[in-house]
Protein backbone atom coordinates (compact mmCIF):
# COMPACT_ATOMS: atom_id res chain seq x y z
CA MET A 1 0.00 0.00 0.00
CA ALA A 2 1.32 3.44 -0.88
CA ILE A 3 0.50 7.09 -1.52
CA ASN A 4 2.15 8.66 -4.57
CA LEU A 5 1.98 11.90 -6.47
CA CYS A 6 0.10 11.70 -9.75
CA CYS A 7 0.52 14.13 -12.62
CA PRO A 8 -2.92 15.31 -13.78
CA VAL A 9 -1.47 16.00 -17.24
CA CYS A 10 0.13 12.68 -18.20
CA TYR A 11 -0.98 10.59 -15.16
CA LYS A 12 2.50 9.31 -14.37
CA THR A 13 3.16 8.60 -10.68
CA TYR A 14 6.07 9.75 -8.52
CA LYS A 15 7.27 9.72 -4.93
CA LEU A 16 5.81 12.44 -2.71
CA GLN A 17 9.06 14.44 -2.74
CA THR A 18 9.11 14.85 -6.54
CA LEU A 19 8.77 18.48 -7.66
CA ARG A 20 8.34 18.26 -11.41
CA CYS A 21 6.94 15.69 -13.85
CA LYS A 22 8.91 14.58 -16.90
CA CYS A 23 6.21 16.15 -19.04
CA GLY A 24 7.16 19.53 -17.55
CA ASN A 25 4.20 19.92 -15.18
CA ASN A 26 4.98 21.56 -11.83
CA LEU A 27 3.94 19.02 -9.17
CA ARG A 28 4.16 21.57 -6.38
CA THR A 29 1.13 23.48 -7.67
CA ASN A 30 -0.66 21.01 -9.96
CA LYS A 31 -0.91 17.50 -8.57
CA LEU A 32 -3.12 14.61 -7.49
CA PHE A 33 -2.53 11.97 -4.84
CA LYS A 34 -2.90 8.32 -5.80
CA VAL A 35 -3.56 5.60 -3.22
CA ARG A 36 -2.81 2.01 -4.26
CA ILE A 37 -3.30 -1.33 -2.50
CA LYS A 38 -2.63 -4.87 -3.67
CA LEU A 39 -5.58 -7.18 -3.00
CA SER A 40 -5.36 -10.78 -1.84
CA ASN A 41 -6.22 -11.96 -5.37
CA GLY A 42 -3.15 -10.19 -6.76
CA LYS A 43 -5.04 -7.31 -8.37
CA TRP A 44 -4.44 -3.65 -7.55
CA LYS A 45 -7.04 -1.22 -6.27
CA SER A 46 -6.45 2.53 -6.57
CA LYS A 47 -8.06 5.88 -5.92
CA GLN A 48 -7.06 9.43 -6.90
CA VAL A 49 -7.86 12.40 -4.65
CA ASN A 50 -6.95 16.09 -4.49
CA THR A 51 -5.25 16.42 -1.08
CA LEU A 52 -2.72 14.49 0.97
CA GLU A 53 -5.03 14.58 3.98
CA LEU A 54 -7.83 12.88 2.01
CA ALA A 55 -5.34 10.39 0.55
CA LYS A 56 -4.35 9.31 4.07
CA LYS A 57 -8.02 8.76 4.97
CA VAL A 58 -8.53 6.67 1.83
CA GLU A 59 -5.42 4.67 2.69
CA ALA A 60 -6.77 3.98 6.19
CA LYS A 61 -10.10 2.92 4.69
CA PHE A 62 -8.36 0.56 2.26
CA LYS A 63 -6.40 -0.98 5.13
CA THR A 64 -9.57 -1.53 7.17
CA GLN A 65 -11.33 -3.21 4.25
CA SER A 66 -8.29 -5.39 3.58
CA ILE A 67 -8.18 -6.59 7.19
CA GLU A 68 -11.94 -7.27 7.23
CA GLU A 69 -11.72 -9.37 4.08
CA ASP A 70 -8.48 -11.22 4.86
CA VAL A 71 -8.88 -11.76 8.60
CA PHE A 72 -12.60 -11.62 9.31
CA ASN A 73 -13.81 -12.75 5.88
CA ILE A 74 -16.09 -9.72 5.59
CA HIS A 75 -16.79 -8.88 1.93
CA ARG A 76 -18.32 -5.67 0.65
CA ALA A 77 -21.54 -6.08 -1.30
CA PRO A 78 -21.24 -5.34 -5.04
CA VAL A 79 -23.42 -2.88 -6.93
CA ILE A 80 -26.33 -4.65 -8.61
CA ASP A 81 -25.52 -3.18 -12.06
CA GLY A 82 -22.15 -4.92 -12.23
CA VAL A 83 -23.57 -8.24 -11.12
CA TRP A 84 -26.42 -7.95 -13.63
CA SER A 85 -23.91 -7.33 -16.43
CA LYS A 86 -22.00 -10.50 -15.48
CA TYR A 87 -25.22 -12.48 -15.14
CA LEU A 88 -26.38 -11.38 -18.60
CA THR A 89 -23.08 -12.48 -20.13
CA TRP A 90 -23.49 -15.87 -18.47
CA ALA A 91 -27.17 -16.12 -19.46
CA SER A 92 -26.43 -15.34 -23.12
CA LEU A 93 -24.23 -18.44 -23.22
CA ASN A 94 -26.37 -20.73 -21.08
CA LYS A 95 -30.03 -19.68 -21.44
CA ARG A 96 -32.10 -19.63 -24.60
CA SER A 97 -34.48 -17.14 -22.97
CA TRP A 98 -31.74 -14.66 -22.01
CA ILE A 99 -33.23 -11.98 -24.28
CA ASP A 100 -36.46 -12.16 -22.26
CA ASP A 101 -34.37 -11.61 -19.10
CA ARG A 102 -32.69 -8.58 -20.63
CA ILE A 103 -35.99 -7.04 -21.72
CA ARG A 104 -37.58 -7.56 -18.29
CA TRP A 105 -34.57 -6.05 -16.54
CA GLU A 106 -34.37 -2.99 -18.77
CA LEU A 107 -38.13 -2.41 -18.82
CA HIS A 108 -39.09 -3.07 -15.20
CA ILE A 109 -36.11 -3.42 -12.86
CA SER A 110 -33.13 -1.27 -13.84
CA ALA A 111 -34.69 2.11 -13.11
CA HIS A 112 -35.60 1.04 -9.56
CA LEU A 113 -32.34 -0.66 -8.50
CA LYS A 114 -29.70 1.12 -10.59
CA GLY A 115 -26.59 2.03 -8.58
CA MET A 116 -27.67 0.21 -5.41
CA LYS A 117 -25.43 -2.13 -3.46
CA MET A 118 -26.99 -5.55 -3.21
CA ASP A 119 -27.06 -5.60 0.59
CA LYS A 120 -29.07 -2.36 0.53
CA ILE A 121 -31.83 -3.82 -1.63
CA THR A 122 -34.69 -4.77 0.67
CA PRO A 123 -37.96 -6.70 0.21
CA SER A 124 -39.63 -3.29 0.16
CA HIS A 125 -37.64 -2.27 -2.93
CA VAL A 126 -38.66 -5.46 -4.71
CA GLN A 127 -42.30 -5.04 -3.68
CA ASP A 128 -42.25 -1.47 -5.03
CA ILE A 129 -41.25 -2.83 -8.43
CA LEU A 130 -44.13 -5.30 -8.43
CA ASN A 131 -46.60 -2.65 -7.21
CA HIS A 132 -45.44 -0.27 -9.93
CA MET A 133 -46.09 -2.91 -12.58
CA ALA A 134 -49.52 -3.68 -11.13
CA THR A 135 -50.60 -0.04 -11.51
CA LYS A 136 -48.74 0.82 -14.71
CA ASP A 137 -50.16 0.45 -18.21
CA THR A 138 -48.35 -1.65 -20.77
CA PRO A 139 -47.03 0.03 -23.96
CA LYS A 140 -50.23 -1.17 -25.65
CA GLY A 141 -52.45 0.44 -23.00
CA GLY A 142 -53.46 -2.69 -21.11
CA HIS A 143 -52.39 -4.00 -17.71
CA TYR A 144 -49.55 -6.32 -16.85
CA ALA A 145 -50.78 -9.83 -16.15
CA PRO A 146 -49.98 -11.34 -12.74
CA ALA A 147 -47.89 -13.99 -14.52
CA THR A 148 -45.75 -11.25 -16.11
CA ILE A 149 -45.23 -9.58 -12.73
CA LYS A 150 -44.25 -12.92 -11.24
CA GLN A 151 -41.63 -13.42 -13.95
CA VAL A 152 -39.97 -10.15 -12.91
CA LEU A 153 -39.85 -11.31 -9.29
CA VAL A 154 -38.36 -14.62 -10.39
CA LEU A 155 -35.65 -12.81 -12.39
CA ILE A 156 -34.56 -10.65 -9.45
CA LYS A 157 -34.47 -13.72 -7.23
CA ARG A 158 -32.47 -15.62 -9.84
CA VAL A 159 -29.85 -12.86 -10.16
CA PHE A 160 -29.31 -12.81 -6.39
CA ASN A 161 -29.04 -16.60 -6.21
CA TRP A 162 -26.66 -16.69 -9.17
CA SER A 163 -24.41 -14.03 -7.64
CA MET A 164 -24.16 -16.08 -4.43
CA GLN A 165 -23.35 -19.24 -6.38
CA GLN A 166 -20.60 -17.37 -8.19
CA GLY A 167 -19.13 -15.97 -4.97
CA LEU A 168 -19.89 -12.39 -5.99
CA TYR A 169 -22.25 -11.69 -3.09
CA GLN A 170 -22.55 -13.21 0.37
CA GLY A 171 -25.68 -11.56 1.71
CA GLY A 172 -29.32 -12.54 1.72
CA ASN A 173 -31.93 -12.63 -1.01
CA PRO A 174 -34.61 -9.92 -0.53
CA CYS A 175 -37.07 -11.84 -2.70
CA LYS A 176 -37.50 -14.61 -0.14
CA SER A 177 -40.09 -12.69 1.84
CA VAL A 178 -41.87 -11.18 -1.19
CA GLU A 179 -44.99 -13.01 -2.30
CA ALA A 180 -45.66 -13.40 -5.99
CA PRO A 181 -49.07 -12.17 -7.19
CA MET A 182 -51.71 -14.86 -7.32
CA PHE A 183 -52.92 -15.87 -10.75
CA ASP A 184 -54.80 -18.71 -12.38
CA ASN A 185 -52.69 -20.28 -15.11
CA ARG A 186 -55.45 -22.67 -16.07
CA ILE A 187 -56.71 -20.34 -18.80
CA ASN A 188 -57.71 -22.34 -21.85
CA ASN A 189 -58.26 -20.71 -25.21
CA PRO A 190 -58.36 -23.58 -27.72
CA LEU A 191 -59.11 -22.95 -31.37
CA ASP A 192 -62.62 -23.83 -32.45
CA LYS A 193 -63.12 -25.50 -35.81
CA SER A 194 -63.55 -22.17 -37.59
CA GLY A 195 -60.34 -20.79 -36.11
CA LEU A 196 -58.50 -23.98 -36.94
CA ARG A 197 -59.63 -23.78 -40.57
CA SER A 198 -58.45 -20.15 -40.76
CA LEU A 199 -55.04 -21.06 -39.36
CA MET A 200 -54.60 -23.99 -41.74
CA SER A 201 -55.68 -21.85 -44.68
CA VAL A 202 -52.95 -19.31 -43.92
CA LEU A 203 -50.33 -22.02 -43.41
CA ASP A 204 -51.19 -23.50 -46.79
CA THR A 205 -50.06 -20.28 -48.51
CA TRP A 206 -47.37 -19.01 -46.11
CA ASN A 207 -43.89 -18.71 -47.62
CA ASN A 208 -41.87 -19.76 -44.55
CA GLU A 209 -41.89 -23.56 -44.49
CA ARG A 210 -39.87 -23.86 -41.27
CA ALA A 211 -42.41 -21.80 -39.35
CA ILE A 212 -45.24 -23.87 -40.82
CA LEU A 213 -43.59 -27.09 -39.66
CA VAL A 214 -43.12 -25.72 -36.12
CA ILE A 215 -46.79 -24.73 -35.81
CA LYS A 216 -48.17 -27.95 -37.22
CA PHE A 217 -45.89 -30.11 -35.08
CA ALA A 218 -46.95 -28.22 -31.93
CA LEU A 219 -50.61 -28.62 -32.87
CA TYR A 220 -50.35 -32.34 -33.66
CA SER A 221 -48.12 -33.21 -30.69
CA GLY A 222 -49.37 -30.89 -27.95
CA LYS A 223 -45.79 -29.97 -27.03
CA ARG A 224 -44.79 -26.60 -25.58
CA LYS A 225 -42.97 -24.06 -27.75
CA GLY A 226 -39.70 -24.44 -25.87
CA GLU A 227 -39.88 -28.22 -26.18
CA VAL A 228 -40.47 -28.01 -29.93
CA LEU A 229 -37.79 -25.43 -30.72
CA SER A 230 -35.23 -27.20 -28.52
CA LEU A 231 -35.78 -30.54 -30.20
CA THR A 232 -32.63 -32.15 -31.66
CA TRP A 233 -32.30 -35.10 -34.01
CA ASP A 234 -30.88 -37.42 -31.37
CA SER A 235 -34.27 -37.16 -29.63
CA VAL A 236 -36.18 -38.64 -32.57
CA ASP A 237 -36.52 -42.41 -33.05
CA PHE A 238 -37.87 -42.80 -36.59
CA GLU A 239 -37.94 -46.59 -36.44
CA ASN A 240 -40.16 -46.79 -33.34
CA HIS A 241 -42.03 -43.50 -33.83
CA LEU A 242 -40.80 -42.19 -30.46
CA LEU A 243 -39.84 -38.74 -29.23
CA THR A 244 -37.56 -38.26 -26.22
CA LEU A 245 -37.58 -34.86 -24.55
CA GLN A 246 -34.48 -34.09 -22.52
CA ALA A 247 -35.07 -33.07 -18.89
CA MET A 248 -33.42 -29.68 -19.39
CA ASN A 249 -36.00 -28.78 -22.06
CA THR A 250 -39.18 -29.81 -20.22
CA LYS A 251 -41.18 -27.75 -17.75
CA SER A 252 -41.16 -30.57 -15.20
CA LYS A 253 -37.36 -30.99 -15.62
CA LYS A 254 -37.94 -34.69 -16.19
CA ALA A 255 -37.12 -36.59 -19.37
CA GLN A 256 -40.15 -37.77 -21.34
CA SER A 257 -40.48 -40.49 -23.97
CA LEU A 258 -43.66 -40.28 -26.04
CA PRO A 259 -45.09 -41.99 -29.14
CA LEU A 260 -45.57 -39.94 -32.30
CA ASN A 261 -48.67 -39.98 -34.51
CA ASN A 262 -48.54 -40.13 -38.30
CA HIS A 263 -48.99 -36.36 -38.71
CA CYS A 264 -45.90 -35.72 -36.58
CA MET A 265 -43.87 -38.36 -38.39
CA THR A 266 -44.72 -36.79 -41.76
CA ILE A 267 -43.53 -33.41 -40.47
CA LEU A 268 -40.30 -34.90 -39.10
CA GLU A 269 -39.61 -36.66 -42.39
CA ARG A 270 -39.92 -33.32 -44.17
CA CYS A 271 -37.63 -31.68 -41.59
CA ARG A 272 -35.07 -34.40 -42.18
CA LYS A 273 -34.95 -33.48 -45.87
CA LEU A 274 -34.35 -29.83 -44.89
CA LYS A 275 -31.77 -30.75 -42.23
CA VAL A 276 -29.05 -28.10 -41.77
CA SER A 277 -28.07 -28.60 -38.12
CA ASP A 278 -28.66 -30.67 -34.99
CA TYR A 279 -31.91 -28.78 -34.38
CA VAL A 280 -35.05 -30.33 -35.86
CA PHE A 281 -36.65 -26.88 -36.26
CA PRO A 282 -33.71 -24.50 -36.73
CA SER A 283 -33.45 -20.98 -38.07
CA THR A 284 -32.36 -20.53 -41.68
CA LEU A 285 -28.76 -20.35 -40.41
CA GLY A 286 -29.10 -23.60 -38.49
CA ASN A 287 -29.20 -22.00 -35.04
CA TYR A 288 -31.91 -22.02 -32.37
CA TYR A 289 -35.01 -20.45 -33.94
CA ASN A 290 -34.99 -17.19 -31.94
CA THR A 291 -37.02 -15.21 -34.47
CA PHE A 292 -39.98 -17.59 -34.58
CA ASP A 293 -42.16 -15.42 -32.32
CA GLU A 294 -42.24 -12.58 -34.85
CA THR A 295 -43.27 -14.95 -37.63
CA TRP A 296 -45.97 -16.46 -35.42
CA LYS A 297 -47.43 -13.01 -34.74
CA ARG A 298 -47.73 -12.32 -38.47
CA ILE A 299 -49.35 -15.69 -39.15
CA ARG A 300 -51.79 -15.22 -36.29
CA LYS A 301 -52.73 -11.75 -37.55
CA ARG A 302 -53.23 -13.01 -41.10
CA ALA A 303 -55.49 -15.80 -39.83
CA GLY A 304 -57.50 -13.38 -37.68
CA ILE A 305 -57.15 -15.50 -34.54
CA SER A 306 -56.44 -14.08 -31.09
CA ILE A 307 -54.54 -16.90 -29.43
CA ARG A 308 -51.15 -17.52 -27.86
CA PHE A 309 -48.83 -20.16 -29.30
CA HIS A 310 -49.42 -22.14 -26.08
CA ASP A 311 -53.11 -22.34 -27.03
CA LEU A 312 -52.15 -24.82 -29.76
CA ARG A 313 -51.33 -27.17 -26.88
CA HIS A 314 -54.74 -26.50 -25.35
CA THR A 315 -56.34 -27.14 -28.74
CA TYR A 316 -54.60 -30.52 -28.99
CA ALA A 317 -55.64 -31.49 -25.46
CA SER A 318 -59.23 -30.28 -25.85
CA TYR A 319 -59.83 -32.17 -29.08
CA LEU A 320 -58.38 -35.38 -27.60
CA ALA A 321 -60.37 -35.01 -24.37
CA SER A 322 -63.66 -34.46 -26.20
CA SER A 323 -63.08 -37.30 -28.66
CA GLY A 324 -64.29 -39.93 -26.20
CA LYS A 325 -61.26 -42.07 -27.03
CA VAL A 326 -58.69 -40.68 -24.56
CA ASP A 327 -59.12 -40.88 -20.80
CA ILE A 328 -57.79 -38.21 -18.44
CA TYR A 329 -54.84 -40.30 -17.24
CA THR A 330 -53.63 -41.04 -20.76
CA LEU A 331 -53.99 -37.37 -21.60
CA LYS A 332 -51.83 -36.53 -18.57
CA GLU A 333 -49.00 -38.67 -19.92
CA LEU A 334 -49.31 -37.29 -23.46
CA LEU A 335 -49.13 -33.72 -22.18
CA GLY A 336 -46.22 -34.49 -19.83
CA HIS A 337 -48.03 -33.12 -16.77
CA SER A 338 -46.34 -33.89 -13.47
CA THR A 339 -49.66 -34.27 -11.62
CA ILE A 340 -53.20 -35.22 -12.60
CA GLU A 341 -54.43 -31.93 -11.11
CA MET A 342 -52.87 -30.07 -14.03
CA THR A 343 -54.83 -32.20 -16.49
CA GLN A 344 -58.13 -31.72 -14.64
CA ARG A 345 -58.71 -28.50 -16.58
CA TYR A 346 -59.83 -30.75 -19.44
CA ALA A 347 -61.94 -33.05 -17.23
CA HIS A 348 -65.19 -31.30 -18.12
CA LEU A 349 -64.66 -32.31 -21.76
CA VAL A 350 -64.14 -35.95 -20.80
CA ASN A 351 -67.16 -35.77 -18.50
CA GLY A 352 -69.25 -34.38 -21.34
CA VAL A 353 -68.42 -37.44 -23.43
CA LEU A 354 -69.34 -39.72 -20.53
CA LYS A 355 -72.63 -37.91 -20.01
CA ARG A 356 -73.58 -38.32 -23.67
CA ALA A 357 -72.59 -41.98 -23.49
CA VAL A 358 -74.69 -42.72 -20.44
CA CYS A 359 -77.72 -41.13 -22.11
CA VAL A 360 -77.59 -43.92 -24.69
CA ALA A 361 -79.32 -46.03 -22.02
CA ASP A 362 -82.40 -43.84 -22.49
CA GLU A 363 -82.59 -44.97 -26.08
CA VAL A 364 -81.72 -48.63 -25.47
CA PHE A 365 -84.20 -49.36 -22.69
């Protein structure tokens, strides 16, 4: 640790007794004081100030911090902005949904937490963010859904947990005592026959075959968007008509092996002819199909249907449940639900079939 003179013209450093810099600057009248300390990890930490008195105070502060970290293992909390930047770099290499994280942070979180040390962020700060979203209009003039607000809470919690795993922060997570807004995710919006005809009509004339194959496969298999877009060729068993979903790509985080119907096999055969990478449904460059959402929006608008992509899954499940040929427990396995309670949203369709069946007795007897 040392205090040196620093030339404010060329920023070279000298001993305190030096009177003139090599650049010609007079260090008696025009000078800065530079405090330097070597950290335990071998890196140097420095600070420039205007007076010798202030430099001595900074030096004393550096010494105190060094003793706390080396002897008492007390580490200063980092500023959230720096940790977020490191997290985003990591996420861009390890998460396919990292762009969603970036958008949520920039749109909802950054303005509230910018410049704050992580140990100063309290549950109240996090709750303020959620409250602000609950009362703020979206760019389109609507309101943020409880599920969207919950995703922001999950992101903040994830950044704190990640920073602790990486050894960047050793404090607590303020999100632990913050309750996510309640919402019912059992909303079903399946396509009726008219909507299905409109969608198919648009797909028949659409000029992006890869997008068409994604949509049809999701509709005929009932798989989630992430499961479809993450699908790789080593997951497809053409001989036995089987699909294996890796645990990392499923919502339940459990591997699933499912049979494929003829519609799905036809689509996969076509994809095999277009094969350009390990992905079954890649982008035109062979990468993960990140731009699919924009194409889906245009197709949906052309078809005049107001549904989410996830509603294709509900359409698949609803048609199977109301067919009278698939019981609720089989449907559970086909959808990859972890519990039967999740499949119960379609129970009324199965019950409707049973009710019609039992009424046959009125005609027989």
